[in-house]
Protein backbone atom coordinates (compact mmCIF):
# COMPACT_ATOMS: atom_id res chain seq x y z
CA UNK A 1 8.48 -15.03 110.06
CA UNK A 2 6.36 -14.02 107.08
CA UNK A 3 3.84 -16.28 105.42
CA UNK A 4 6.16 -16.35 102.37
CA UNK A 5 9.00 -17.77 104.47
CA UNK A 6 6.71 -20.44 105.90
CA UNK A 7 5.51 -21.25 102.39
CA UNK A 8 9.17 -21.69 101.40
CA UNK A 9 9.60 -24.33 104.12
CA UNK A 10 6.54 -26.17 102.82
CA UNK A 11 7.79 -25.97 99.23
CA UNK A 12 11.25 -27.30 100.17
CA UNK A 13 9.61 -30.18 102.03
CA UNK A 14 7.44 -31.08 99.03
CA UNK A 15 10.47 -30.96 96.74
CA UNK A 16 12.55 -33.03 99.13
CA UNK A 17 9.90 -35.76 99.27
CA UNK A 18 10.00 -36.18 95.48
CA UNK A 19 13.69 -35.39 94.90
CA UNK A 20 15.36 -37.66 92.36
CA UNK A 21 18.64 -37.88 94.26
CA UNK A 22 19.65 -38.10 97.89
CA UNK A 23 21.99 -35.13 97.50
CA UNK A 24 19.12 -32.92 96.33
CA UNK A 25 16.96 -34.06 99.24
CA UNK A 26 19.79 -33.42 101.72
CA UNK A 27 20.32 -29.90 100.38
CA UNK A 28 16.62 -29.10 100.70
CA UNK A 29 16.44 -30.59 104.18
CA UNK A 30 19.41 -28.46 105.22
CA UNK A 31 17.49 -25.36 104.13
CA UNK A 32 14.52 -26.48 106.20
CA UNK A 33 16.75 -27.11 109.24
CA UNK A 34 18.30 -23.64 108.94
CA UNK A 35 14.86 -22.05 108.64
CA UNK A 36 13.58 -23.93 111.69
CA UNK A 37 16.65 -22.89 113.69
CA UNK A 38 15.92 -19.28 112.75
CA UNK A 39 12.34 -19.67 113.93
CA UNK A 40 13.41 -21.17 117.24
CA UNK A 41 15.83 -18.29 117.80
CA UNK A 42 13.52 -15.58 116.43
CA UNK A 43 11.22 -13.15 118.22
CA UNK A 44 7.93 -14.65 116.94
CA UNK A 45 7.40 -17.79 119.03
CA UNK A 46 4.10 -18.57 117.31
CA UNK A 47 5.73 -18.76 113.88
CA UNK A 48 7.05 -22.27 114.54
CA UNK A 49 3.51 -23.43 115.31
CA UNK A 50 2.23 -21.86 112.10
CA UNK A 51 4.66 -23.96 110.07
CA UNK A 52 2.74 -27.03 111.22
CA UNK A 53 -0.81 -25.69 111.49
CA UNK A 54 -0.65 -24.41 107.90
CA UNK A 55 1.15 -27.41 106.39
CA UNK A 56 -0.58 -28.21 103.08
CA UNK A 57 -0.52 -31.98 103.60
CA UNK A 58 0.18 -34.63 106.20
CA UNK A 59 3.30 -35.68 104.27
CA UNK A 60 4.74 -32.17 104.47
CA UNK A 61 3.85 -31.93 108.17
CA UNK A 62 5.59 -35.24 108.90
CA UNK A 63 8.70 -34.34 106.90
CA UNK A 64 9.20 -30.97 108.59
CA UNK A 65 8.48 -32.57 111.99
CA UNK A 66 11.18 -35.20 111.38
CA UNK A 67 13.72 -32.49 110.62
CA UNK A 68 12.68 -30.49 113.71
CA UNK A 69 13.02 -33.61 115.88
CA UNK A 70 16.43 -34.43 114.40
CA UNK A 71 17.67 -30.89 115.03
CA UNK A 72 16.60 -31.00 118.66
CA UNK A 73 18.02 -34.49 119.24
CA UNK A 74 21.38 -33.44 117.79
CA UNK A 75 21.54 -30.33 119.99
CA UNK A 76 21.27 -27.92 117.08
CA UNK A 77 18.94 -25.52 118.91
CA UNK A 78 21.25 -24.99 121.86
CA UNK A 79 23.83 -22.89 119.99
CA UNK A 80 26.61 -24.68 121.85
CA UNK A 81 24.74 -24.75 125.17
CA UNK A 82 25.67 -27.50 127.59
CA UNK A 83 22.04 -27.79 128.78
CA UNK A 84 19.76 -30.30 127.06
CA UNK A 85 16.05 -30.38 127.74
CA UNK A 86 14.06 -33.62 127.87
CA UNK A 87 10.67 -34.91 128.93
CA UNK A 88 9.42 -38.17 130.38
CA UNK A 89 5.93 -38.97 129.06
CA UNK A 90 3.72 -40.37 131.82
CA UNK A 91 0.43 -42.13 131.11
CA UNK A 92 -1.76 -41.93 134.20
CA UNK A 93 -4.65 -44.38 134.62
CA UNK A 94 -7.02 -43.24 137.35
CA UNK A 95 -10.48 -44.01 138.69
CA UNK A 96 -12.64 -43.15 141.65
CA UNK A 97 -12.90 -45.79 144.35
CA UNK A 98 -15.09 -43.75 146.70
CA UNK A 99 -18.70 -44.19 145.60
CA UNK A 100 -19.72 -41.11 147.58
CA UNK A 101 -17.43 -38.73 145.67
CA UNK A 102 -18.23 -37.23 142.27
CA UNK A 103 -14.64 -36.20 141.61
CA UNK A 104 -11.11 -36.12 142.96
CA UNK A 105 -8.14 -34.06 141.80
CA UNK A 106 -4.69 -35.58 141.50
CA UNK A 107 -1.84 -33.14 142.23
CA UNK A 108 -0.18 -31.24 139.42
CA UNK A 109 3.00 -30.66 141.43
CA UNK A 110 5.31 -33.46 142.59
CA UNK A 111 6.23 -33.08 146.25
CA UNK A 112 9.57 -34.95 146.10
CA UNK A 113 11.01 -34.40 142.66
CA UNK A 114 14.53 -34.79 144.07
CA UNK A 115 13.80 -38.47 144.80
CA UNK A 116 12.76 -39.04 141.18
CA UNK A 117 15.88 -37.28 139.95
CA UNK A 118 18.06 -39.47 142.15
CA UNK A 119 16.49 -42.62 140.71
CA UNK A 120 17.24 -41.49 137.15
CA UNK A 121 20.85 -40.75 138.08
CA UNK A 122 21.30 -43.96 140.07
CA UNK A 123 20.11 -46.15 137.19
CA UNK A 124 21.77 -44.20 134.38
CA UNK A 125 18.49 -43.32 132.67
CA UNK A 126 20.10 -40.76 130.32
CA UNK A 127 23.15 -42.64 129.07
CA UNK A 128 24.71 -42.44 132.52
CA UNK A 129 24.43 -38.65 132.78
CA UNK A 130 24.65 -37.62 136.43
CA UNK A 131 23.86 -33.91 136.17
CA UNK A 132 20.08 -33.84 135.90
CA UNK A 133 17.27 -31.69 137.22
CA UNK A 134 13.51 -32.21 136.98
CA UNK A 135 10.75 -29.62 137.14
CA UNK A 136 8.20 -30.28 139.87
CA UNK A 137 5.20 -29.49 137.68
CA UNK A 138 3.35 -32.23 135.83
CA UNK A 139 2.89 -30.62 132.42
CA UNK A 140 0.34 -31.35 129.71
CA UNK A 141 0.81 -31.32 125.94
CA UNK A 142 -0.09 -27.62 125.73
CA UNK A 143 3.00 -26.76 127.78
CA UNK A 144 5.20 -28.42 125.14
CA UNK A 145 3.33 -27.19 122.08
CA UNK A 146 5.31 -25.95 119.08
CA UNK A 147 4.60 -22.34 120.08
CA UNK A 148 6.22 -22.93 123.49
CA UNK A 149 9.42 -24.55 122.23
CA UNK A 150 11.34 -21.35 121.33
CA UNK A 151 10.91 -19.95 124.84
CA UNK A 152 11.90 -23.26 126.45
CA UNK A 153 15.04 -23.58 124.34
CA UNK A 154 15.94 -19.92 124.90
CA UNK A 155 15.64 -20.29 128.67
CA UNK A 156 17.93 -23.31 128.62
CA UNK A 157 20.48 -21.48 126.49
CA UNK A 158 20.59 -18.51 128.87
CA UNK A 159 21.74 -20.74 131.73
CA UNK A 160 24.14 -22.81 129.68
CA UNK A 161 26.22 -24.18 132.53
CA UNK A 162 23.69 -25.23 135.18
CA UNK A 163 21.14 -27.98 134.62
CA UNK A 164 19.34 -27.18 137.86
CA UNK A 165 18.90 -23.51 136.94
CA UNK A 166 17.61 -24.53 133.49
CA UNK A 167 14.64 -26.46 134.79
CA UNK A 168 11.70 -25.17 132.73
CA UNK A 169 9.09 -23.02 134.45
CA UNK A 170 5.92 -24.89 133.52
CA UNK A 171 2.32 -24.53 134.62
CA UNK A 172 1.14 -27.60 136.56
CA UNK A 173 -1.74 -29.56 135.04
CA UNK A 174 -3.64 -31.41 137.79
CA UNK A 175 -5.69 -34.44 136.76
CA UNK A 176 -9.41 -34.43 137.48
CA UNK A 177 -10.84 -37.92 138.10
CA UNK A 178 -14.61 -38.03 137.66
CA UNK A 179 -15.62 -41.65 137.12
CA UNK A 180 -15.24 -45.10 138.63
CA UNK A 181 -14.25 -46.36 135.19
CA UNK A 182 -10.53 -45.97 134.49
CA UNK A 183 -9.64 -42.83 132.55
CA UNK A 184 -6.32 -42.35 130.76
CA UNK A 185 -4.39 -39.08 130.99
CA UNK A 186 -1.09 -37.87 129.52
CA UNK A 187 1.37 -35.75 131.45
CA UNK A 188 5.08 -34.96 131.19
CA UNK A 189 7.88 -34.60 133.69
CA UNK A 190 10.26 -32.13 132.07
CA UNK A 191 13.91 -31.85 132.96
CA UNK A 192 17.34 -30.66 131.94
CA UNK A 193 20.71 -32.35 131.71
CA UNK A 194 24.20 -30.92 131.56
CA UNK A 195 25.94 -32.55 128.60
CA UNK A 196 27.89 -31.87 125.44
CA UNK A 197 25.65 -30.45 122.68
CA UNK A 198 25.74 -33.65 120.61
CA UNK A 199 25.90 -36.17 123.44
CA UNK A 200 23.73 -39.24 122.75
CA UNK A 201 21.49 -39.01 125.82
CA UNK A 202 18.37 -40.50 124.25
CA UNK A 203 19.48 -43.60 122.39
CA UNK A 204 17.34 -45.91 124.52
CA UNK A 205 13.72 -45.87 123.36
CA UNK A 206 12.62 -48.37 126.03
CA UNK A 207 12.41 -47.83 129.77
CA UNK A 208 15.27 -49.31 131.78
CA UNK A 209 15.85 -50.55 135.35
CA UNK A 210 14.88 -47.14 136.70
CA UNK A 211 11.25 -47.52 135.65
CA UNK A 212 9.99 -49.79 138.45
CA UNK A 213 11.22 -47.74 141.45
CA UNK A 214 10.37 -44.54 139.56
CA UNK A 215 6.81 -45.76 138.96
CA UNK A 216 6.37 -46.78 142.60
CA UNK A 217 7.58 -43.43 143.91
CA UNK A 218 5.55 -41.46 141.36
CA UNK A 219 2.34 -43.38 142.13
CA UNK A 220 2.83 -42.63 145.82
CA UNK A 221 3.16 -38.91 145.04
CA UNK A 222 -0.01 -38.88 142.96
CA UNK A 223 -2.11 -40.99 145.33
CA UNK A 224 -5.24 -39.32 146.64
CA UNK A 225 -7.77 -40.85 149.01
CA UNK A 226 -10.75 -42.29 147.17
CA UNK A 227 -8.88 -42.98 143.92
CA UNK A 228 -6.81 -45.69 142.29
CA UNK A 229 -3.80 -44.39 140.38
CA UNK A 230 -1.29 -46.08 138.09
CA UNK A 231 1.43 -43.94 136.51
CA UNK A 232 3.29 -45.45 133.55
CA UNK A 233 6.43 -43.52 132.59
CA UNK A 234 8.08 -43.86 129.19
CA UNK A 235 11.73 -43.33 128.29
CA UNK A 236 13.11 -39.77 128.48
CA UNK A 237 13.10 -38.10 125.06
CA UNK A 238 13.80 -34.66 123.56
CA UNK A 239 10.72 -32.46 123.87
CA UNK A 240 9.45 -32.78 120.30
CA UNK A 241 9.67 -36.56 120.28
CA UNK A 242 8.38 -36.90 123.84
CA UNK A 243 5.04 -35.32 122.93
CA UNK A 244 4.57 -37.73 120.05
CA UNK A 245 5.67 -40.80 122.01
CA UNK A 246 3.36 -39.77 124.85
CA UNK A 247 0.36 -39.53 122.54
CA UNK A 248 1.13 -42.97 121.12
CA UNK A 249 1.42 -44.43 124.62
CA UNK A 250 -1.82 -42.81 125.76
CA UNK A 251 -3.69 -44.23 122.77
CA UNK A 252 -2.26 -47.72 123.27
CA UNK A 253 -3.13 -47.79 126.97
CA UNK A 254 -6.63 -46.45 126.22
CA UNK A 255 -7.13 -49.18 123.61
CA UNK A 256 -5.88 -51.87 126.02
CA UNK A 257 -8.27 -50.74 128.75
CA UNK A 258 -11.23 -50.51 126.38
CA UNK A 259 -10.65 -53.94 124.83
CA UNK A 260 -10.01 -55.60 128.19
CA UNK A 261 -13.13 -54.15 129.83
CA UNK A 262 -15.39 -54.68 126.82
CA UNK A 263 -14.29 -58.28 126.29
CA UNK A 264 -14.77 -59.13 129.94
CA UNK A 265 -18.29 -57.73 129.90
CA UNK A 266 -19.37 -59.18 126.53
CA UNK A 267 -17.88 -62.62 127.12
CA UNK A 268 -19.59 -62.92 130.47
CA UNK A 269 -22.97 -62.01 128.99
CA UNK A 270 -23.23 -63.07 125.33
CA UNK A 271 -20.11 -65.09 124.59
CA UNK A 272 -17.33 -64.42 122.12
CA UNK A 273 -17.68 -61.04 120.38
CA UNK A 274 -16.54 -59.96 116.94
CA UNK A 275 -14.65 -56.80 116.05
CA UNK A 276 -14.90 -54.28 113.21
CA UNK A 277 -12.21 -51.69 112.48
CA UNK A 278 -13.10 -48.73 110.26
CA UNK A 279 -11.75 -45.32 109.27
CA UNK A 280 -14.02 -42.26 109.37
CA UNK A 281 -13.77 -38.70 108.16
CA UNK A 282 -14.94 -36.15 110.66
CA UNK A 283 -15.78 -32.50 110.24
CA UNK A 284 -12.57 -30.55 109.51
CA UNK A 285 -10.88 -29.81 112.81
CA UNK A 286 -7.62 -30.62 114.60
CA UNK A 287 -8.05 -34.33 113.88
CA UNK A 288 -10.27 -34.70 110.77
CA UNK A 289 -9.98 -38.50 110.60
CA UNK A 290 -10.25 -41.27 113.16
CA UNK A 291 -10.05 -45.04 113.39
CA UNK A 292 -12.95 -46.72 115.17
CA UNK A 293 -13.15 -50.13 116.75
CA UNK A 294 -16.43 -51.82 117.64
CA UNK A 295 -16.99 -54.99 119.61
CA UNK A 296 -20.39 -56.67 119.40
CA UNK A 297 -22.22 -59.99 119.21
CA UNK A 298 -24.98 -61.10 116.81
CA UNK A 299 -26.80 -62.45 119.88
CA UNK A 300 -27.17 -58.92 121.24
CA UNK A 301 -27.13 -56.57 118.23
CA UNK A 302 -27.90 -53.47 120.24
CA UNK A 303 -24.90 -53.77 122.56
CA UNK A 304 -21.94 -52.71 120.41
CA UNK A 305 -19.14 -51.03 122.33
CA UNK A 306 -16.91 -48.58 120.50
CA UNK A 307 -13.50 -46.95 120.74
CA UNK A 308 -12.56 -43.83 118.73
CA UNK A 309 -8.90 -43.10 117.94
CA UNK A 310 -8.40 -39.63 116.40
CA UNK A 311 -5.69 -39.42 113.74
CA UNK A 312 -3.24 -36.54 114.04
CA UNK A 313 -0.98 -35.32 111.22
CA UNK A 314 1.88 -37.62 112.26
CA UNK A 315 -0.43 -40.64 112.31
CA UNK A 316 -0.89 -43.13 109.53
CA UNK A 317 -4.24 -44.88 109.57
CA UNK A 318 -2.66 -48.24 108.82
CA UNK A 319 -0.40 -47.97 111.87
CA UNK A 320 -3.39 -47.44 114.15
CA UNK A 321 -5.32 -50.26 112.45
CA UNK A 322 -2.33 -52.57 112.91
CA UNK A 323 -2.02 -51.62 116.59
CA UNK A 324 -5.69 -52.46 117.17
CA UNK A 325 -5.52 -55.70 115.17
CA UNK A 326 -2.44 -56.82 117.12
CA UNK A 327 -4.15 -56.02 120.42
CA UNK A 328 -7.24 -58.01 119.40
CA UNK A 329 -5.05 -60.97 118.38
CA UNK A 330 -3.28 -60.85 121.74
CA UNK A 331 -6.72 -60.95 123.42
CA UNK A 332 -7.72 -63.97 121.32
CA UNK A 333 -10.42 -62.21 119.32
CA UNK A 334 -10.53 -64.27 116.14
CA UNK A 335 -13.43 -62.58 114.32
CA UNK A 336 -11.94 -59.28 113.17
CA UNK A 337 -13.13 -57.42 110.07
CA UNK A 338 -11.56 -54.33 108.49
CA UNK A 339 -14.26 -52.24 106.82
CA UNK A 340 -12.65 -50.94 103.59
CA UNK A 341 -12.64 -47.31 102.56
CA UNK A 342 -13.23 -44.09 104.49
CA UNK A 343 -16.68 -43.63 105.99
CA UNK A 344 -18.74 -40.68 107.20
CA UNK A 345 -18.55 -39.47 110.76
CA UNK A 346 -22.29 -39.76 111.44
CA UNK A 347 -25.28 -41.79 110.42
CA UNK A 348 -27.38 -39.55 108.11
CA UNK A 349 -30.58 -41.04 109.54
CA UNK A 350 -29.93 -40.28 113.20
CA UNK A 351 -27.00 -37.86 113.35
CA UNK A 352 -25.26 -40.19 115.82
CA UNK A 353 -21.61 -41.24 115.36
CA UNK A 354 -21.38 -44.14 112.90
CA UNK A 355 -20.18 -47.47 114.28
CA UNK A 356 -20.23 -50.77 112.41
CA UNK A 357 -21.45 -53.90 114.08
CA UNK A 358 -20.09 -57.37 113.52
CA UNK A 359 -23.16 -58.63 111.65
CA UNK A 360 -23.36 -55.56 109.43
CA UNK A 361 -21.48 -54.00 106.55
CA UNK A 362 -21.07 -50.55 105.12
CA UNK A 363 -24.54 -50.63 103.66
CA UNK A 364 -26.27 -51.07 106.99
CA UNK A 365 -23.97 -49.53 109.57
CA UNK A 366 -25.39 -48.84 112.98
CA UNK A 367 -25.17 -45.56 114.87
CA UNK A 368 -23.56 -45.58 118.28
């Protein structure tokens, strides 16, 4: 697809966002949906990715993403195919338990994927669908990137009557564990289901009764001597939505671990800490903004602990701030300050990342 065609998609999205009537917005959105369907079916797989990497604003990116997600959820990319692809986001929390080892590698291939498939079928994980197949590879976000979607959908369409044959061929992404502190990783178990093109397979956004036995079996498959492993699956979703839901889950689990560990350490040493939440602008890159959380005590001003949450185009800063504030409230942190405005990435005096401390304000922020 030419740059002019991609620019048309962006222009329709901008116009739709400010349309005076719902009918006008619907007509523009229909054009976008048709253009995205052409990209998915076209020969240039990277063109779909360019629609998002060249989006002129976060609002345009979000709007086109919502239409892409709706098209996939409704089965529009299957051209009547009976095979629907899905992914289960899995947040993996792992740490070394062997003090003599400097690293361990968790497997990237599941050795009994049939058992996991049976659990999904037994508990009706996809609206009771009983014709499912899972790929054995644990995939990362790169495997489900926008540029990969056309090939994945095309492969499913070519085997339109066999869910097992339509299992995506994905590169496994093993997890390297390098520290005794818990690290949080995101992987996906990708599968296919045989169903009518518009069947409502993904109406449940929460995990169901299948999650506990699924988690137990998955943890056993990932277990490696000298490590602790906890795998937390989320509900099956279409591919586009699964990537986004997985990133949200990874960030939430990372924040929970950070706050829990930092509070335990600070409370045991200096008493009740205070928190500061701030938004920072980084050098232009894939995630040019991030929300930062610091926990510190005026009794030990040099001991601030910080968490950095990059903001991606689908993110809204206020949503991340609210997630962190809710987590702090749940952990009974009463002294929470939101530093207004958008702040630099680094302290101009030291070049270190900027992190506010509880006893300081924007005028005297501390590097971290």
